[in-house]
């Protein structure tokens, strides 16, 4: 599970902090809106070495912003 919190939103890009399991120091993910491209700016302290939480967070941001054209201030990304 990730908790994602909006850091900044412009017409060109959004930046979110992501918190694996809602703990520790956040990582940061940027999405360039026109290209629908996500970039992991920094990994969270609670992320594993493969960046599993960052990968899941990037996918959730892309889906939310691209498909629904919604930019929430805070949301939770959970999977099983």
C-alpha atoms as a PDB file:
ATOM      1  CA  UNK A   1       0.000   0.000   0.000  1.00  0.00           C
ATOM      2  CA  UNK A   2       1.140   3.525  -0.807  1.00  0.00           C
ATOM      3  CA  UNK A   3      -0.207   6.821   0.414  1.00  0.00           C
ATOM      4  CA  UNK A   4       0.325   9.492  -2.240  1.00  0.00           C
ATOM      5  CA  UNK A   5       0.290  13.220  -1.502  1.00  0.00           C
ATOM      6  CA  UNK A   6       0.403  15.959  -4.113  1.00  0.00           C
ATOM      7  CA  UNK A   7       3.473  18.191  -3.927  1.00  0.00           C
ATOM      8  CA  UNK A   8       2.874  20.367  -7.006  1.00  0.00           C
ATOM      9  CA  UNK A   9       0.614  20.472 -10.052  1.00  0.00           C
ATOM     10  CA  UNK A  10       1.038  22.521 -13.210  1.00  0.00           C
ATOM     11  CA  UNK A  11      -0.528  22.112 -16.656  1.00  0.00           C
ATOM     12  CA  UNK A  12       2.682  20.347 -17.760  1.00  0.00           C
ATOM     13  CA  UNK A  13       3.427  18.028 -14.825  1.00  0.00           C
ATOM     14  CA  UNK A  14       2.462  16.775 -11.372  1.00  0.00           C
ATOM     15  CA  UNK A  15       4.756  15.699  -8.554  1.00  0.00           C
ATOM     16  CA  UNK A  16       3.643  13.355  -5.795  1.00  0.00           C
ATOM     17  CA  UNK A  17       5.275  12.150  -2.610  1.00  0.00           C
ATOM     18  CA  UNK A  18       4.709   8.446  -1.984  1.00  0.00           C
ATOM     19  CA  UNK A  19       4.827   6.759   1.410  1.00  0.00           C
ATOM     20  CA  UNK A  20       5.124   2.940   1.404  1.00  0.00           C
ATOM     21  CA  UNK A  21       2.807   1.572   4.100  1.00  0.00           C
ATOM     22  CA  UNK A  22       2.268   5.246   5.116  1.00  0.00           C
ATOM     23  CA  UNK A  23       5.607   5.250   6.994  1.00  0.00           C
ATOM     24  CA  UNK A  24       9.063   6.813   6.833  1.00  0.00           C
ATOM     25  CA  UNK A  25      10.567   9.399   4.547  1.00  0.00           C
ATOM     26  CA  UNK A  26       8.691   9.792   1.257  1.00  0.00           C
ATOM     27  CA  UNK A  27       9.890   9.193  -2.244  1.00  0.00           C
ATOM     28  CA  UNK A  28       9.011  11.515  -5.087  1.00  0.00           C
ATOM     29  CA  UNK A  29       7.481  10.768  -8.486  1.00  0.00           C
ATOM     30  CA  UNK A  30       6.966  13.228 -11.327  1.00  0.00           C
ATOM     31  CA  UNK A  31       4.567  12.718 -14.206  1.00  0.00           C
ATOM     32  CA  UNK A  32       4.897  14.738 -17.401  1.00  0.00           C
ATOM     33  CA  UNK A  33       1.249  15.082 -18.389  1.00  0.00           C
ATOM     34  CA  UNK A  34       1.453  15.567 -22.186  1.00  0.00           C
ATOM     35  CA  UNK A  35       3.805  12.584 -22.627  1.00  0.00           C
ATOM     36  CA  UNK A  36       2.101  10.485 -19.922  1.00  0.00           C
ATOM     37  CA  UNK A  37       5.594   9.660 -18.663  1.00  0.00           C
ATOM     38  CA  UNK A  38       6.415   8.984 -15.004  1.00  0.00           C
ATOM     39  CA  UNK A  39       9.860   9.461 -13.492  1.00  0.00           C
ATOM     40  CA  UNK A  40      11.008   8.342 -10.048  1.00  0.00           C
ATOM     41  CA  UNK A  41      12.831  11.396  -8.724  1.00  0.00           C
ATOM     42  CA  UNK A  42      13.753   9.714  -5.429  1.00  0.00           C
ATOM     43  CA  UNK A  43      12.919   6.453  -3.668  1.00  0.00           C
ATOM     44  CA  UNK A  44      11.188   6.370  -0.288  1.00  0.00           C
ATOM     45  CA  UNK A  45      13.085   5.099   2.733  1.00  0.00           C
ATOM     46  CA  UNK A  46      10.623   2.196   3.058  1.00  0.00           C
ATOM     47  CA  UNK A  47      10.879   1.083  -0.578  1.00  0.00           C
ATOM     48  CA  UNK A  48      12.605  -2.198  -1.345  1.00  0.00           C
ATOM     49  CA  UNK A  49      15.751  -2.480  -3.476  1.00  0.00           C
ATOM     50  CA  UNK A  50      13.738  -3.263  -6.621  1.00  0.00           C
ATOM     51  CA  UNK A  51      11.621  -0.133  -6.216  1.00  0.00           C
ATOM     52  CA  UNK A  52       8.379  -2.106  -5.992  1.00  0.00           C
ATOM     53  CA  UNK A  53       6.498   0.645  -4.158  1.00  0.00           C
ATOM     54  CA  UNK A  54       7.739   3.330  -6.568  1.00  0.00           C
ATOM     55  CA  UNK A  55       6.610   1.210  -9.533  1.00  0.00           C
ATOM     56  CA  UNK A  56       3.139   0.777  -8.040  1.00  0.00           C
ATOM     57  CA  UNK A  57       2.901   4.481  -7.132  1.00  0.00           C
ATOM     58  CA  UNK A  58       3.952   5.576 -10.628  1.00  0.00           C
ATOM     59  CA  UNK A  59       1.288   3.341 -12.184  1.00  0.00           C
ATOM     60  CA  UNK A  60      -1.404   4.691  -9.881  1.00  0.00           C
ATOM     61  CA  UNK A  61      -0.471   8.298 -10.634  1.00  0.00           C
ATOM     62  CA  UNK A  62      -0.441   7.662 -14.371  1.00  0.00           C
ATOM     63  CA  UNK A  63      -3.823   5.918 -14.271  1.00  0.00           C
ATOM     64  CA  UNK A  64      -5.429   8.603 -12.148  1.00  0.00           C
ATOM     65  CA  UNK A  65      -4.094  11.596 -14.067  1.00  0.00           C
ATOM     66  CA  UNK A  66      -4.205  10.204 -17.623  1.00  0.00           C
ATOM     67  CA  UNK A  67      -7.341   8.098 -17.625  1.00  0.00           C
ATOM     68  CA  UNK A  68      -9.602   9.979 -15.241  1.00  0.00           C
ATOM     69  CA  UNK A  69      -8.004  13.428 -15.719  1.00  0.00           C
ATOM     70  CA  UNK A  70      -8.153  13.804 -11.956  1.00  0.00           C
ATOM     71  CA  UNK A  71      -5.395  15.253  -9.755  1.00  0.00           C
ATOM     72  CA  UNK A  72      -6.260  14.347  -6.156  1.00  0.00           C
ATOM     73  CA  UNK A  73      -4.500  16.049  -3.266  1.00  0.00           C
ATOM     74  CA  UNK A  74      -4.135  12.735  -1.412  1.00  0.00           C
ATOM     75  CA  UNK A  75      -5.054   9.144  -2.251  1.00  0.00           C
ATOM     76  CA  UNK A  76      -4.226   5.580  -1.317  1.00  0.00           C
ATOM     77  CA  UNK A  77      -2.929   2.985  -3.760  1.00  0.00           C
ATOM     78  CA  UNK A  78      -3.503  -0.559  -2.476  1.00  0.00           C
ATOM     79  CA  UNK A  79      -3.007  -3.953  -4.107  1.00  0.00           C
ATOM     80  CA  UNK A  80      -2.987  -7.604  -3.093  1.00  0.00           C
END
